[in-house]
Structure formats: C-alpha cells, structure tokens
Amino acid sequence: MRLVRLALRWLLLDWRAGELRLLVAALALAAAAVGTVDFFSDRVQRALTVGAVDLLAADAAVESSEAPVAEWEAEARRRGLQTARTLTFPSVLVEGDATQLVQVKAVSDDYPLRGELRSAERLDDRRGSADVRPQAGTAWGEARLFAQLGLEPGAAVGLGESRLALARVLTAEPDRGGDLFQFAPRLMLRLDDVPATGLVTPASRVSHRLLVAGRAAGTGSARSSRKVPSSSTSAGHAPSSAPHSTAVRVS
C-alpha cells in the first residue's frame, strides 16, 4: 500500500512539474499523426485503384498481338465474370482527295466494363451521353478528326474497303489515357465491322485486348488459371517463350 501511495505521489509531482503533461501531449500528437497518415494513405490507395480501373476500362486486361484464345474468354464467363474485346490499329481515312491518319479502335457491344464511353451528336457538345454504342456501318470520331477533314457528323468516309458514316463525336473514352504516344485522332467502330474493311491480316500491326471485370476474388482466380500464361502477369512484359507479344494488366 505504501508503494502505491509513493507511486501516486511521484506521479502527481511529475504532473505538476509539467514533464508528464509534455509526454502525454507528445503521445497524443504522435497518435494523431499516425492516424492522419493512415487516412491519407487509404485515400490515395482508393484514388489509384479507381484510376487504374479507368485506365483499363476493366478490372484486368489481356493484351496481345494476336486474337485472344477463345478458351480464356470462356473460362472468365464460366467464373461469372464480364468480358469485352477491343482491337486497335493505325490506318488512314479517305474522304475525296483528303486523307487522315487515325488510330482505329474496334469494340464489342459490352465495352467498356469500367468507366464511361461518351459521345455526342454535335461538335459543340463537349460532354455527350453515355447510353449509346457504335452501330453497324457507323463510326465515331474525335472532334479534331472532324476538324482536320472539314466534316460534320453524318458524313461518310472510306476505311479500307468499306464506307462508314461518322455518326457521332467521341467525347470520352475510359482507357484512352493508356495510349500516351498515340497522336493520331481516334476512330471507333464496332468489332463486327472490321472484317469488311479488309485491313486486318495475319501480318497486320494490331493490338487485341480481352477485358475482364467482376468480383475481385473472381478476377484474381481467373488470372491465376492455367489458361492465362503466368509468365506474363506483370504489366507491359511478355513471356519470352511466347511466339507473339502477350501481357496481362491488372488494376
């Protein structure tokens, strides 16, 4: 009992001297700093996750110079995941005597799986709507494409062996930020319309993407499936044993 009284007496003396109060204040400040840093780190992590999803337009993407193996998409769907496909390649639009280099992007009906694809009927509409998809026989172009060719929405242009109507103005594309070195304006059309152009052959310089989205656990499970090469799981690196370039990108 005497030890307890002595301890309380010394504690009271230290408190009156101010040293103990300084220690308590320091501990409170340290706890507040740790909590603030943890909160800030969580917000940054959330922002990066959202940005990565928008950059891919999906939760994960398999990018290849050849068409994705059909079994990959079938396996993803079997696991309850959403899938979509895109195909990009450079080409030239022809309108009369004028030509324009473009970056063609053909998309399936389910694109995008994450983010918003927006388009407008008028050149002065900078925002557009997100409830429309490219229709058969039509294409969408960026505003600068219309300006460079001196066209209005609805004009017909030649792409390879086909004629397409530039029906709408492309105002927002979720994964456009990943094409940092693509300076040509975007031309978007349906994936089903590509064969009619005659532009894609076995020797063509194209980029196929299989997009996957769903529950985080399901996406990770599909990525680890033996049907997707494990040696290509790091973004931007292709397996050395593959006959063509393949990369798996995960948000």
Foldseek 3Di string as FASTA:
>chain_A
DVVVVVVVVVVVVCVVVPVVVVVVVVVVVVVVVVVVVVVVVVVVVVVVQLLQCLQQLFQKKKKWQDAADPVLVVVLVVLVKDKWKKKWAWFWKADPPDIFIAIEMAIAPCPRNDDFWAWAQFLPDQGHDRPDDADPQAKAWASVVCVVVVHHQQDWIAQAQGIGGNHIHGRDGRNPVVPPPGPGIYIYHHPVNVVNNVQDDPPGRMMMMMHIHDPPVSVVVSCPDVSHPPQQADPPDADPPDPIRMHMGGD
